[in-house]
Amino acid sequence: MKSKKAVSLLLSALIGVAVYANVVSANTENVTEEAVVVESLRGTTGIEEANVVPDIKNVPKNQERIALNYVNQPPMIPHSIDGYQVNQANNSCLECHDVDVYRKTGAPRISPTHFMDRDNRVLTEVSARRYFCLQCHVPQAQTDVLVENDFVPAGKFGQ
C-alpha cells in the first residue's frame, strides 16, 4: 500500500514539474531583450574590470543629530566610528550607550527594545539580534544621492 502511495506521489510531482516547466517556457518566449536589462551601480564597467572606488566620506567627529524620517527609524550615528569594534567579543558602542554608563557619557541610552528577544521577553543583556549596532545604525554624512527617489518623510518627521 505504501509503495502505491509513493509511486502516486512521484508521478504527481513529475507531472507538476512538467506543467511548471511548460508554463515557464511559454512565459519566457514573450520577454524582450529590453525587459531583461538591469543597470548596475558599476555603470558600464565590466565585472572583470576594476571600477573606480569612490572616496570614503569624511564623517565629522561630532555633529548635530539628523531628524528621523519615519516611525521606528534607527537613529543615525552623529560621530565618527573609525576604530570602533563591534564583534562577538566586543561592542565599542556599549561603552557609551549602555544603560549603566549613558548618564556619565552624555550619550543617548540604548533603546529598551534592544533588550527583548524575538518572543518579547525582557533580557538583562542586549539581545543577540540587536547586538551588532551597524546592521541598522550608520554614520551620518552629507553625500550625493546614490539612487534618485521621491521619498517624503512621514507626517511631522524629517523636520
Protein backbone atom coordinates (compact mmCIF):
# COMPACT_ATOMS: atom_id res chain seq x y z
CA MET A 1 0.00 0.00 0.00
CA LYS A 2 2.85 2.37 0.89
CA SER A 3 4.59 1.75 -2.44
CA LYS A 4 1.42 2.65 -4.39
CA LYS A 5 1.22 5.94 -2.49
CA ALA A 6 4.89 6.61 -3.13
CA VAL A 7 4.51 5.91 -6.86
CA SER A 8 1.39 8.09 -6.97
CA LEU A 9 3.18 10.95 -5.23
CA LEU A 10 6.19 10.62 -7.51
CA LEU A 11 4.02 10.71 -10.63
CA SER A 12 2.12 13.73 -9.31
CA ALA A 13 5.40 15.53 -8.65
CA LEU A 14 6.73 14.74 -12.12
CA ILE A 15 3.53 15.94 -13.76
CA GLY A 16 3.67 19.13 -11.65
CA VAL A 17 7.26 19.80 -12.68
CA ALA A 18 6.41 19.20 -16.36
CA VAL A 19 3.43 21.59 -16.21
CA TYR A 20 5.52 24.22 -14.39
CA ALA A 21 8.34 23.93 -16.96
CA ASN A 22 5.83 24.32 -19.79
CA VAL A 23 4.32 27.45 -18.21
CA VAL A 24 7.74 28.99 -17.54
CA SER A 25 8.98 28.33 -21.07
CA ALA A 26 5.77 29.76 -22.54
CA ASN A 27 6.19 32.94 -20.49
CA THR A 28 9.84 33.48 -21.38
CA GLU A 29 9.14 33.46 -25.11
CA ASN A 30 7.50 36.89 -24.82
CA VAL A 31 10.33 38.51 -22.83
CA THR A 32 12.19 41.13 -24.83
CA GLU A 33 15.87 41.92 -24.51
CA GLU A 34 15.00 45.37 -23.16
CA ALA A 35 12.98 43.95 -20.24
CA VAL A 36 15.93 41.85 -19.05
CA VAL A 37 18.49 44.71 -18.94
CA VAL A 38 19.46 45.68 -15.40
CA GLU A 39 21.54 48.77 -14.82
CA SER A 40 24.37 48.17 -12.38
CA LEU A 41 25.73 50.68 -9.91
CA ARG A 42 29.08 49.85 -11.52
CA GLY A 43 27.86 51.66 -14.64
CA THR A 44 29.41 50.38 -17.85
CA THR A 45 32.44 48.88 -16.10
CA GLY A 46 32.57 45.15 -16.79
CA ILE A 47 32.77 42.65 -13.94
CA GLU A 48 36.29 41.63 -14.98
CA GLU A 49 37.48 45.26 -14.77
CA ALA A 50 38.28 47.23 -11.64
CA ASN A 51 35.90 50.14 -11.21
CA VAL A 52 36.78 53.46 -9.61
CA VAL A 53 36.18 53.29 -5.87
CA PRO A 54 34.51 56.45 -4.56
CA ASP A 55 36.26 58.35 -1.80
CA ILE A 56 35.18 57.49 1.73
CA LYS A 57 33.10 60.37 3.01
CA ASN A 58 34.58 62.38 5.78
CA VAL A 59 32.38 61.98 8.85
CA PRO A 60 32.83 64.86 11.30
CA LYS A 61 33.98 63.86 14.80
CA ASN A 62 30.72 65.13 16.34
CA GLN A 63 27.71 66.80 14.76
CA GLU A 64 24.05 67.53 15.42
CA ARG A 65 21.66 64.62 15.08
CA ILE A 66 19.70 64.35 11.83
CA ALA A 67 15.91 64.28 12.23
CA LEU A 68 14.14 60.93 11.80
CA ASN A 69 12.04 60.40 8.65
CA TYR A 70 9.61 57.73 9.81
CA VAL A 71 8.37 55.91 12.91
CA ASN A 72 10.90 53.47 14.40
CA GLN A 73 13.71 54.64 12.09
CA PRO A 74 17.05 53.68 13.65
CA PRO A 75 18.83 56.94 14.57
CA MET A 76 21.93 57.74 12.58
CA ILE A 77 25.30 57.93 14.33
CA PRO A 78 26.33 61.62 14.69
CA HIS A 79 30.04 60.91 15.16
CA SER A 80 32.91 59.07 13.53
CA ILE A 81 33.17 55.35 14.29
CA ASP A 82 36.70 54.86 12.95
CA GLY A 83 38.43 52.27 15.11
CA TYR A 84 35.22 51.03 16.73
CA GLN A 85 34.99 47.29 17.13
CA VAL A 86 31.64 45.54 17.00
CA ASN A 87 32.12 41.80 17.01
CA GLN A 88 31.16 38.80 19.14
CA ALA A 89 33.78 39.62 21.75
CA ASN A 90 33.41 43.40 21.94
CA ASN A 91 30.91 46.17 21.18
CA SER A 92 32.51 49.62 21.43
CA CYS A 93 29.12 51.33 21.13
CA LEU A 94 28.05 49.98 24.51
CA GLU A 95 30.98 51.74 26.21
CA CYS A 96 28.94 54.97 25.97
CA HIS A 97 25.35 53.91 25.21
CA ASP A 98 24.76 51.04 27.66
CA VAL A 99 22.21 51.62 30.45
CA ASP A 100 24.83 51.73 33.21
CA VAL A 101 27.08 54.36 31.56
CA TYR A 102 24.98 56.65 29.34
CA ARG A 103 24.40 59.23 32.11
CA LYS A 104 28.15 59.57 32.69
CA THR A 105 28.99 59.85 29.00
CA GLY A 106 26.04 62.03 27.92
CA ALA A 107 25.26 59.64 25.07
CA PRO A 108 21.69 58.57 24.28
CA ARG A 109 20.69 55.40 26.14
CA ILE A 110 20.28 52.21 24.15
CA SER A 111 16.58 51.58 23.49
CA PRO A 112 14.71 49.17 25.80
CA THR A 113 13.67 47.25 22.67
CA HIS A 114 17.29 46.15 22.31
CA PHE A 115 16.88 44.11 25.50
CA MET A 116 14.00 41.99 24.15
CA ASP A 117 14.27 38.67 22.39
CA ARG A 118 12.09 37.71 19.43
CA ASP A 119 9.38 36.49 21.82
CA ASN A 120 9.35 39.91 23.55
CA ARG A 121 10.91 38.55 26.74
CA VAL A 122 12.97 41.19 28.53
CA LEU A 123 16.63 40.23 28.93
CA THR A 124 19.33 41.55 31.27
CA GLU A 125 21.83 41.96 28.41
CA VAL A 126 21.47 43.30 24.86
CA SER A 127 19.66 40.79 22.69
CA ALA A 128 21.83 38.91 20.22
CA ARG A 129 19.61 40.14 17.37
CA ARG A 130 20.29 43.78 18.38
CA TYR A 131 23.93 43.47 19.43
CA PHE A 132 25.51 44.38 16.08
CA CYS A 133 24.57 48.07 16.00
CA LEU A 134 25.85 48.73 12.49
CA GLN A 135 23.20 46.47 10.97
CA CYS A 136 20.74 49.33 11.44
CA HIS A 137 22.63 52.41 12.66
CA VAL A 138 25.03 54.11 10.23
CA PRO A 139 27.22 57.21 10.50
CA GLN A 140 25.53 60.28 9.05
CA ALA A 141 27.32 62.15 6.30
CA GLN A 142 26.26 64.61 3.63
CA THR A 143 26.68 62.71 0.37
CA ASP A 144 25.38 62.74 -3.17
CA VAL A 145 22.19 60.79 -3.81
CA LEU A 146 23.17 57.31 -4.99
CA VAL A 147 19.78 56.38 -6.43
CA GLU A 148 17.19 59.01 -7.34
CA ASN A 149 13.93 58.64 -5.42
CA ASP A 150 10.87 60.63 -4.41
CA PHE A 151 10.80 59.66 -0.72
CA VAL A 152 8.92 62.07 1.52
CA PRO A 153 9.20 61.87 5.33
CA ALA A 154 6.05 60.65 7.09
CA GLY A 155 3.87 63.27 8.78
CA LYS A 156 5.84 65.55 11.10
CA PHE A 157 9.05 63.57 10.68
CA GLY A 158 12.09 64.98 8.91
CA GLN A 159 11.67 68.44 10.45
